[in-house]
C-alpha atoms as a PDB file:
ATOM      1  CA  MET A   1      76.710  44.959 222.912  1.00  0.00           C
ATOM      2  CA  ILE A   2      78.913  46.590 220.155  1.00  0.00           C
ATOM      3  CA  GLU A   3      77.280  48.832 217.680  1.00  0.00           C
ATOM      4  CA  GLU A   4      78.612  46.980 214.633  1.00  0.00           C
ATOM      5  CA  LEU A   5      75.981  44.427 215.672  1.00  0.00           C
ATOM      6  CA  LYS A   6      72.958  46.691 215.756  1.00  0.00           C
ATOM      7  CA  SER A   7      71.302  47.815 212.457  1.00  0.00           C
ATOM      8  CA  ASN A   8      72.400  51.132 211.017  1.00  0.00           C
ATOM      9  CA  CYS A   9      70.044  51.705 207.935  1.00  0.00           C
ATOM     10  CA  THR A  10      71.924  55.073 207.005  1.00  0.00           C
ATOM     11  CA  GLN A  11      74.937  53.009 206.245  1.00  0.00           C
ATOM     12  CA  CYS A  12      73.078  50.177 204.371  1.00  0.00           C
ATOM     13  CA  PHE A  13      71.893  50.070 200.897  1.00  0.00           C
ATOM     14  CA  GLY A  14      68.594  48.924 201.934  1.00  0.00           C
ATOM     15  CA  LEU A  15      69.708  45.395 201.407  1.00  0.00           C
ATOM     16  CA  CYS A  16      66.777  43.708 203.327  1.00  0.00           C
ATOM     17  CA  CYS A  17      64.352  45.820 201.341  1.00  0.00           C
ATOM     18  CA  VAL A  18      65.705  44.450 198.140  1.00  0.00           C
ATOM     19  CA  ALA A  19      67.440  41.171 198.502  1.00  0.00           C
ATOM     20  CA  LEU A  20      64.883  39.286 200.612  1.00  0.00           C
ATOM     21  CA  PRO A  21      61.533  38.081 199.283  1.00  0.00           C
ATOM     22  CA  PHE A  22      58.272  38.297 201.138  1.00  0.00           C
ATOM     23  CA  ALA A  23      54.648  37.113 200.452  1.00  0.00           C
ATOM     24  CA  LYS A  24      51.424  38.802 201.224  1.00  0.00           C
ATOM     25  CA  SER A  25      50.217  37.772 204.560  1.00  0.00           C
ATOM     26  CA  ALA A  26      49.666  38.996 208.075  1.00  0.00           C
ATOM     27  CA  ASP A  27      53.275  40.274 207.929  1.00  0.00           C
ATOM     28  CA  PHE A  28      53.285  42.057 204.535  1.00  0.00           C
ATOM     29  CA  PRO A  29      50.376  43.666 202.458  1.00  0.00           C
ATOM     30  CA  PHE A  30      51.782  42.387 199.120  1.00  0.00           C
ATOM     31  CA  ASP A  31      54.284  40.031 197.418  1.00  0.00           C
ATOM     32  CA  LYS A  32      57.901  40.940 196.604  1.00  0.00           C
ATOM     33  CA  LYS A  33      60.311  38.837 194.846  1.00  0.00           C
ATOM     34  CA  GLY A  34      64.057  38.341 196.044  1.00  0.00           C
ATOM     35  CA  GLY A  35      66.185  41.065 194.079  1.00  0.00           C
ATOM     36  CA  GLU A  36      63.217  43.376 193.618  1.00  0.00           C
ATOM     37  CA  PRO A  37      63.250  46.599 195.363  1.00  0.00           C
ATOM     38  CA  CYS A  38      60.313  47.366 197.798  1.00  0.00           C
ATOM     39  CA  LYS A  39      57.923  49.864 196.437  1.00  0.00           C
ATOM     40  CA  ASN A  40      58.572  51.746 199.714  1.00  0.00           C
ATOM     41  CA  LEU A  41      62.437  51.985 199.019  1.00  0.00           C
ATOM     42  CA  CYS A  42      63.729  55.574 198.428  1.00  0.00           C
ATOM     43  CA  SER A  43      66.525  56.379 196.023  1.00  0.00           C
ATOM     44  CA  ASN A  44      68.600  57.165 199.173  1.00  0.00           C
ATOM     45  CA  HIS A  45      67.991  53.427 200.426  1.00  0.00           C
ATOM     46  CA  LEU A  46      65.785  54.490 203.296  1.00  0.00           C
ATOM     47  CA  CYS A  47      62.182  53.369 203.774  1.00  0.00           C
ATOM     48  CA  SER A  48      59.445  56.203 202.952  1.00  0.00           C
ATOM     49  CA  ILE A  49      57.020  54.683 205.359  1.00  0.00           C
ATOM     50  CA  HIS A  50      59.436  53.659 208.110  1.00  0.00           C
ATOM     51  CA  ASP A  51      57.449  55.493 211.083  1.00  0.00           C
ATOM     52  CA  THR A  52      54.109  53.849 210.014  1.00  0.00           C
ATOM     53  CA  LEU A  53      55.142  50.400 209.105  1.00  0.00           C
ATOM     54  CA  LYS A  54      53.002  48.784 211.655  1.00  0.00           C
ATOM     55  CA  ASP A  55      49.867  50.755 210.711  1.00  0.00           C
ATOM     56  CA  ARG A  56      50.347  49.824 207.007  1.00  0.00           C
ATOM     57  CA  GLY A  57      50.767  46.208 207.722  1.00  0.00           C
ATOM     58  CA  PHE A  58      54.468  45.670 207.459  1.00  0.00           C
ATOM     59  CA  ASN A  59      54.828  43.643 210.698  1.00  0.00           C
ATOM     60  CA  GLY A  60      57.516  41.620 208.859  1.00  0.00           C
ATOM     61  CA  CYS A  61      59.650  44.674 208.567  1.00  0.00           C
ATOM     62  CA  ILE A  62      59.280  45.752 212.230  1.00  0.00           C
ATOM     63  CA  THR A  63      60.536  42.295 213.489  1.00  0.00           C
ATOM     64  CA  TYR A  64      63.319  41.884 211.099  1.00  0.00           C
ATOM     65  CA  GLU A  65      66.823  42.416 212.294  1.00  0.00           C
ATOM     66  CA  CYS A  66      70.160  42.077 210.413  1.00  0.00           C
ATOM     67  CA  PHE A  67      72.438  42.501 213.416  1.00  0.00           C
ATOM     68  CA  GLY A  68      74.449  45.056 211.448  1.00  0.00           C
ATOM     69  CA  ALA A  69      74.941  42.751 208.389  1.00  0.00           C
ATOM     70  CA  GLY A  70      73.491  45.389 206.054  1.00  0.00           C
ATOM     71  CA  GLN A  71      76.043  48.087 206.726  1.00  0.00           C
ATOM     72  CA  HIS A  72      78.943  45.384 206.805  1.00  0.00           C
ATOM     73  CA  VAL A  73      78.070  44.103 203.557  1.00  0.00           C
ATOM     74  CA  SER A  74      77.429  47.548 202.165  1.00  0.00           C
ATOM     75  CA  GLN A  75      80.360  49.563 203.314  1.00  0.00           C
ATOM     76  CA  PHE A  76      83.079  46.883 204.179  1.00  0.00           C
ATOM     77  CA  LEU A  77      82.581  43.952 201.661  1.00  0.00           C
ATOM     78  CA  TYR A  78      81.474  46.164 198.636  1.00  0.00           C
ATOM     79  CA  GLU A  79      83.435  49.185 199.849  1.00  0.00           C
ATOM     80  CA  GLY A  80      80.540  51.600 199.624  1.00  0.00           C
ATOM     81  CA  ARG A  81      79.347  50.729 196.131  1.00  0.00           C
ATOM     82  CA  SER A  82      75.545  50.193 195.998  1.00  0.00           C
ATOM     83  CA  TRP A  83      73.746  47.738 193.878  1.00  0.00           C
ATOM     84  CA  ARG A  84      72.230  50.700 192.001  1.00  0.00           C
ATOM     85  CA  GLU A  85      75.746  51.767 190.840  1.00  0.00           C
ATOM     86  CA  ASN A  86      77.346  48.282 190.738  1.00  0.00           C
ATOM     87  CA  ASN A  87      74.783  46.368 188.544  1.00  0.00           C
ATOM     88  CA  GLU A  88      77.327  43.553 187.890  1.00  0.00           C
ATOM     89  CA  CYS A  89      77.732  42.679 191.568  1.00  0.00           C
ATOM     90  CA  ALA A  90      74.042  43.282 192.489  1.00  0.00           C
ATOM     91  CA  GLU A  91      72.969  39.548 192.384  1.00  0.00           C
ATOM     92  CA  GLN A  92      76.056  38.443 194.353  1.00  0.00           C
ATOM     93  CA  MET A  93      75.611  41.117 196.973  1.00  0.00           C
ATOM     94  CA  PHE A  94      72.019  40.057 197.494  1.00  0.00           C
ATOM     95  CA  SER A  95      73.104  36.433 197.993  1.00  0.00           C
ATOM     96  CA  VAL A  96      75.936  37.405 200.333  1.00  0.00           C
ATOM     97  CA  PHE A  97      73.661  39.462 202.603  1.00  0.00           C
ATOM     98  CA  PRO A  98      71.504  36.696 204.193  1.00  0.00           C
ATOM     99  CA  ILE A  99      74.698  34.678 204.815  1.00  0.00           C
ATOM    100  CA  VAL A 100      76.482  37.500 206.516  1.00  0.00           C
ATOM    101  CA  GLN A 101      73.240  38.205 208.420  1.00  0.00           C
ATOM    102  CA  GLN A 102      73.346  34.601 209.775  1.00  0.00           C
ATOM    103  CA  LEU A 103      76.959  35.003 210.922  1.00  0.00           C
ATOM    104  CA  HIS A 104      76.106  38.420 212.577  1.00  0.00           C
ATOM    105  CA  GLU A 105      73.318  36.836 214.616  1.00  0.00           C
ATOM    106  CA  MET A 106      75.802  34.220 215.786  1.00  0.00           C
ATOM    107  CA  LEU A 107      78.114  37.089 216.670  1.00  0.00           C
ATOM    108  CA  TRP A 108      75.263  38.813 218.788  1.00  0.00           C
ATOM    109  CA  TYR A 109      74.647  35.685 220.711  1.00  0.00           C
ATOM    110  CA  LEU A 110      78.332  34.950 221.296  1.00  0.00           C
ATOM    111  CA  LYS A 111      78.799  38.579 222.429  1.00  0.00           C
ATOM    112  CA  GLN A 112      76.075  38.121 224.941  1.00  0.00           C
ATOM    113  CA  ALA A 113      77.693  34.930 226.171  1.00  0.00           C
ATOM    114  CA  LEU A 114      81.053  36.564 226.532  1.00  0.00           C
ATOM    115  CA  ASN A 115      79.621  39.383 228.607  1.00  0.00           C
ATOM    116  CA  THR A 116      78.112  37.024 231.336  1.00  0.00           C
ATOM    117  CA  SER A 117      80.242  36.474 234.354  1.00  0.00           C
ATOM    118  CA  GLU A 118      78.728  32.886 234.572  1.00  0.00           C
ATOM    119  CA  ALA A 119      80.562  31.811 231.385  1.00  0.00           C
ATOM    120  CA  VAL A 120      83.948  32.687 232.547  1.00  0.00           C
ATOM    121  CA  PRO A 121      84.967  29.076 232.748  1.00  0.00           C
ATOM    122  CA  ILE A 122      84.336  28.647 229.054  1.00  0.00           C
ATOM    123  CA  ARG A 123      85.448  32.316 227.969  1.00  0.00           C
ATOM    124  CA  SER A 124      88.564  31.053 226.163  1.00  0.00           C
ATOM    125  CA  ASN A 125      86.387  28.718 224.010  1.00  0.00           C
ATOM    126  CA  LEU A 126      83.817  31.575 223.459  1.00  0.00           C
ATOM    127  CA  LEU A 127      86.372  33.938 222.318  1.00  0.00           C
ATOM    128  CA  GLU A 128      87.944  31.496 219.916  1.00  0.00           C
ATOM    129  CA  ILE A 129      84.510  30.772 218.173  1.00  0.00           C
ATOM    130  CA  TYR A 130      83.739  34.442 218.227  1.00  0.00           C
ATOM    131  CA  ASN A 131      86.903  35.503 216.482  1.00  0.00           C
ATOM    132  CA  LYS A 132      86.528  32.655 214.014  1.00  0.00           C
ATOM    133  CA  THR A 133      82.957  33.767 213.237  1.00  0.00           C
ATOM    134  CA  ALA A 134      83.992  37.361 212.819  1.00  0.00           C
ATOM    135  CA  GLN A 135      86.882  36.310 210.552  1.00  0.00           C
ATOM    136  CA  LEU A 136      84.256  34.562 208.311  1.00  0.00           C
ATOM    137  CA  THR A 137      82.357  37.788 207.816  1.00  0.00           C
ATOM    138  CA  SER A 138      85.516  39.532 206.443  1.00  0.00           C
ATOM    139  CA  LYS A 139      86.183  36.861 203.670  1.00  0.00           C
ATOM    140  CA  ALA A 140      85.744  37.890 200.068  1.00  0.00           C
ATOM    141  CA  PRO A 141      82.113  37.658 198.795  1.00  0.00           C
ATOM    142  CA  GLU A 142      83.144  34.599 196.626  1.00  0.00           C
ATOM    143  CA  GLU A 143      84.283  32.856 199.815  1.00  0.00           C
ATOM    144  CA  ILE A 144      81.255  33.655 201.792  1.00  0.00           C
ATOM    145  CA  LEU A 145      79.082  32.263 199.120  1.00  0.00           C
ATOM    146  CA  ASP A 146      80.993  28.855 199.622  1.00  0.00           C
ATOM    147  CA  LEU A 147      80.733  28.734 203.346  1.00  0.00           C
ATOM    148  CA  ASP A 148      79.045  25.759 205.162  1.00  0.00           C
ATOM    149  CA  VAL A 149      76.864  28.054 207.462  1.00  0.00           C
ATOM    150  CA  THR A 150      74.905  25.152 208.957  1.00  0.00           C
ATOM    151  CA  ALA A 151      77.934  23.392 210.082  1.00  0.00           C
ATOM    152  CA  HIS A 152      79.382  26.498 211.605  1.00  0.00           C
ATOM    153  CA  ARG A 153      76.112  27.263 213.332  1.00  0.00           C
ATOM    154  CA  LYS A 154      76.256  23.942 214.950  1.00  0.00           C
ATOM    155  CA  LEU A 155      79.576  24.550 216.474  1.00  0.00           C
ATOM    156  CA  VAL A 156      78.316  27.972 217.730  1.00  0.00           C
ATOM    157  CA  ASN A 157      75.204  26.465 219.149  1.00  0.00           C
ATOM    158  CA  GLU A 158      77.219  24.083 221.166  1.00  0.00           C
ATOM    159  CA  HIS A 159      78.926  26.864 222.940  1.00  0.00           C
ATOM    160  CA  LEU A 160      75.597  28.807 223.472  1.00  0.00           C
ATOM    161  CA  VAL A 161      73.875  25.810 225.048  1.00  0.00           C
ATOM    162  CA  GLU A 162      76.850  25.361 227.495  1.00  0.00           C
ATOM    163  CA  THR A 163      76.737  29.114 228.309  1.00  0.00           C
ATOM    164  CA  SER A 164      72.940  28.777 228.893  1.00  0.00           C
ATOM    165  CA  LYS A 165      73.468  26.025 231.395  1.00  0.00           C
ATOM    166  CA  LEU A 166      76.101  27.994 233.357  1.00  0.00           C
ATOM    167  CA  TYR A 167      74.043  31.128 233.227  1.00  0.00           C
ATOM    168  CA  ARG A 168      70.863  29.268 234.462  1.00  0.00           C
ATOM    169  CA  ALA A 169      72.679  26.938 236.916  1.00  0.00           C
ATOM    170  CA  ASP A 170      70.697  28.212 240.003  1.00  0.00           C
ATOM    171  CA  PHE A 171      67.363  27.227 238.396  1.00  0.00           C
ATOM    172  CA  LEU A 172      68.235  24.111 236.706  1.00  0.00           C
ATOM    173  CA  HIS A 173      67.315  21.711 239.494  1.00  0.00           C
ATOM    174  CA  ASN A 174      64.079  23.588 240.329  1.00  0.00           C
ATOM    175  CA  THR A 175      60.765  22.056 239.401  1.00  0.00           C
ATOM    176  CA  ARG A 176      59.812  23.314 236.067  1.00  0.00           C
ATOM    177  CA  LYS A 177      57.115  25.956 236.221  1.00  0.00           C
ATOM    178  CA  ILE A 178      55.556  25.295 232.930  1.00  0.00           C
ATOM    179  CA  LYS A 179      55.761  21.855 231.150  1.00  0.00           C
ATOM    180  CA  VAL A 180      54.080  22.172 227.605  1.00  0.00           C
ATOM    181  CA  ALA A 181      55.883  22.007 224.390  1.00  0.00           C
ATOM    182  CA  ASP A 182      54.868  25.466 223.306  1.00  0.00           C
ATOM    183  CA  TYR A 183      53.028  28.434 224.715  1.00  0.00           C
ATOM    184  CA  ILE A 184      50.762  29.871 222.000  1.00  0.00           C
ATOM    185  CA  GLY A 185      48.227  31.970 223.721  1.00  0.00           C
ATOM    186  CA  ALA A 186      49.225  30.613 227.110  1.00  0.00           C
ATOM    187  CA  ASN A 187      48.168  32.490 230.188  1.00  0.00           C
ATOM    188  CA  LEU A 188      51.322  32.995 232.185  1.00  0.00           C
ATOM    189  CA  ASP A 189      50.372  36.240 233.890  1.00  0.00           C
ATOM    190  CA  GLY A 190      52.396  37.035 236.828  1.00  0.00           C
ATOM    191  CA  LYS A 191      54.437  33.716 236.766  1.00  0.00           C
ATOM    192  CA  ASP A 192      57.913  33.311 238.238  1.00  0.00           C
ATOM    193  CA  LEU A 193      59.686  31.969 235.056  1.00  0.00           C
ATOM    194  CA  ARG A 194      63.209  32.900 236.250  1.00  0.00           C
ATOM    195  CA  GLY A 195      65.857  30.463 234.618  1.00  0.00           C
ATOM    196  CA  GLU A 196      63.388  28.732 232.190  1.00  0.00           C
ATOM    197  CA  ASP A 197      64.746  27.426 228.997  1.00  0.00           C
ATOM    198  CA  LEU A 198      62.288  29.018 226.264  1.00  0.00           C
ATOM    199  CA  ARG A 199      64.747  28.150 223.322  1.00  0.00           C
ATOM    200  CA  GLY A 200      62.938  27.963 220.224  1.00  0.00           C
ATOM    201  CA  LYS A 201      59.472  27.985 221.864  1.00  0.00           C
ATOM    202  CA  LEU A 202      56.297  29.273 220.103  1.00  0.00           C
ATOM    203  CA  MET A 203      55.158  32.113 222.529  1.00  0.00           C
ATOM    204  CA  ILE A 204      52.812  33.704 219.956  1.00  0.00           C
ATOM    205  CA  ALA A 205      50.081  35.843 221.810  1.00  0.00           C
ATOM    206  CA  ALA A 206      51.249  34.341 225.055  1.00  0.00           C
ATOM    207  CA  ASN A 207      50.146  36.344 228.280  1.00  0.00           C
ATOM    208  CA  LEU A 208      53.354  37.067 230.066  1.00  0.00           C
ATOM    209  CA  LYS A 209      52.169  40.197 231.830  1.00  0.00           C
ATOM    210  CA  HIS A 210      53.883  41.009 235.099  1.00  0.00           C
ATOM    211  CA  SER A 211      55.958  37.845 234.572  1.00  0.00           C
ATOM    212  CA  ASP A 212      59.417  37.478 236.084  1.00  0.00           C
ATOM    213  CA  LEU A 213      61.511  36.497 233.067  1.00  0.00           C
ATOM    214  CA  ARG A 214      65.045  37.100 234.493  1.00  0.00           C
ATOM    215  CA  LYS A 215      67.782  34.667 233.397  1.00  0.00           C
ATOM    216  CA  VAL A 216      65.370  33.090 230.827  1.00  0.00           C
ATOM    217  CA  ASP A 217      67.007  31.717 227.624  1.00  0.00           C
ATOM    218  CA  PHE A 218      64.988  33.191 224.783  1.00  0.00           C
ATOM    219  CA  ILE A 219      67.078  32.158 221.860  1.00  0.00           C
ATOM    220  CA  GLY A 220      64.876  31.508 218.862  1.00  0.00           C
ATOM    221  CA  ALA A 221      61.569  32.056 220.969  1.00  0.00           C
ATOM    222  CA  ASP A 222      58.742  33.406 218.942  1.00  0.00           C
ATOM    223  CA  LEU A 223      57.280  36.362 220.730  1.00  0.00           C
ATOM    224  CA  ARG A 224      54.960  37.742 218.182  1.00  0.00           C
ATOM    225  CA  ASP A 225      52.197  39.619 219.838  1.00  0.00           C
ATOM    226  CA  ALA A 226      53.154  38.189 223.410  1.00  0.00           C
ATOM    227  CA  ASN A 227      51.996  40.311 226.074  1.00  0.00           C
ATOM    228  CA  LEU A 228      54.939  41.626 227.907  1.00  0.00           C
ATOM    229  CA  ARG A 229      53.379  44.490 229.766  1.00  0.00           C
ATOM    230  CA  GLY A 230      54.932  45.001 233.337  1.00  0.00           C
ATOM    231  CA  ALA A 231      57.097  41.937 232.749  1.00  0.00           C
ATOM    232  CA  ASN A 232      60.776  41.909 233.984  1.00  0.00           C
ATOM    233  CA  LEU A 233      63.328  40.729 231.312  1.00  0.00           C
ATOM    234  CA  ASN A 234      66.346  41.971 232.944  1.00  0.00           C
ATOM    235  CA  GLU A 235      69.049  39.725 232.570  1.00  0.00           C
ATOM    236  CA  ALA A 236      67.352  37.784 229.856  1.00  0.00           C
ATOM    237  CA  LEU A 237      69.718  35.673 227.797  1.00  0.00           C
ATOM    238  CA  PHE A 238      69.928  35.676 224.086  1.00  0.00           C
ATOM    239  CA  LEU A 239      67.064  38.230 223.594  1.00  0.00           C
ATOM    240  CA  THR A 240      67.147  40.344 220.394  1.00  0.00           C
ATOM    241  CA  GLN A 241      65.534  43.503 219.220  1.00  0.00           C
ATOM    242  CA  SER A 242      63.569  41.784 216.788  1.00  0.00           C
ATOM    243  CA  GLN A 243      61.872  39.689 219.417  1.00  0.00           C
ATOM    244  CA  ILE A 244      61.193  42.732 221.532  1.00  0.00           C
ATOM    245  CA  ASN A 245      59.840  44.507 218.518  1.00  0.00           C
ATOM    246  CA  SER A 246      57.346  41.670 217.784  1.00  0.00           C
ATOM    247  CA  ALA A 247      55.981  41.716 221.127  1.00  0.00           C
ATOM    248  CA  LYS A 248      53.545  44.053 223.105  1.00  0.00           C
ATOM    249  CA  GLY A 249      54.818  45.890 226.133  1.00  0.00           C
ATOM    250  CA  ASP A 250      54.722  49.248 227.947  1.00  0.00           C
ATOM    251  CA  ALA A 251      56.666  51.633 229.904  1.00  0.00           C
ATOM    252  CA  GLN A 252      56.830  49.255 232.844  1.00  0.00           C
ATOM    253  CA  THR A 253      58.347  46.549 230.988  1.00  0.00           C
ATOM    254  CA  LYS A 254      62.020  45.874 231.970  1.00  0.00           C
ATOM    255  CA  ILE A 255      64.275  44.848 229.249  1.00  0.00           C
ATOM    256  CA  PRO A 256      68.217  44.620 228.970  1.00  0.00           C
ATOM    257  CA  GLU A 257      69.879  47.829 228.661  1.00  0.00           C
ATOM    258  CA  TYR A 258      71.389  47.091 225.248  1.00  0.00           C
ATOM    259  CA  LEU A 259      67.889  46.737 223.816  1.00  0.00           C
ATOM    260  CA  ASP A 260      65.566  49.805 223.022  1.00  0.00           C
ATOM    261  CA  LYS A 261      61.862  49.955 223.849  1.00  0.00           C
ATOM    262  CA  PRO A 262      59.914  50.066 220.684  1.00  0.00           C
ATOM    263  CA  ILE A 263      57.858  53.217 219.877  1.00  0.00           C
ATOM    264  CA  HIS A 264      54.803  51.368 219.540  1.00  0.00           C
ATOM    265  CA  TRP A 265      55.142  50.291 223.227  1.00  0.00           C
ATOM    266  CA  LEU A 266      55.128  53.885 224.476  1.00  0.00           C
ATOM    267  CA  SER A 267      52.288  55.120 222.248  1.00  0.00           C
END
């Protein structure tokens, strides 16, 4: 995966820590309004408690991923002028950021699709929609605010669904191994789940220990507190760093090479 689609907080103006609201919950210890800087945000735009977020109850921060939108908005769209120095554009910047985040997420999935050999038959179509999406992220902030992101996401999703079918083709005619709508707390320890479509499924606290999850479509799956210890997620499709960060794993958990094992997995 290209570095531009990975978060680089050192090149961002802490946009997720300012632009986005959150409410006191299991994911955050207090309320924060959109446009209001988090009390843990330093003047250099970095988090003062970054290394202890989980211990302090900021699970929502650990599981959030901007897919590089933060540095793109900060350094490209606003040419390195932060909201601290550029008060007249601050509100606009905070509105532009979540839109670009959505577009960058689409680019992340499309990039994965382009990197699969199974999707070669539709590669030209994938490349076309990828380039179109990338062009949208380079428009002027005023134009980005007018984008119909929902309509564009629908177009992107059609390509991703087709990619998933091609990628999992060897397993599509197999008897489904699990047949419930969602898997909250489900015990799937050691299951052979290769090629499953877990798109959008709730996998909260599911036991996937030692499961074979190769070639599984994980797009939009909620893996919060899922047990992935010893599981094999190599070749998993549409898996993100935020999904991995929200789950529980260990040194034996196998993940795609473009993702990083969270520090809390190894402690």
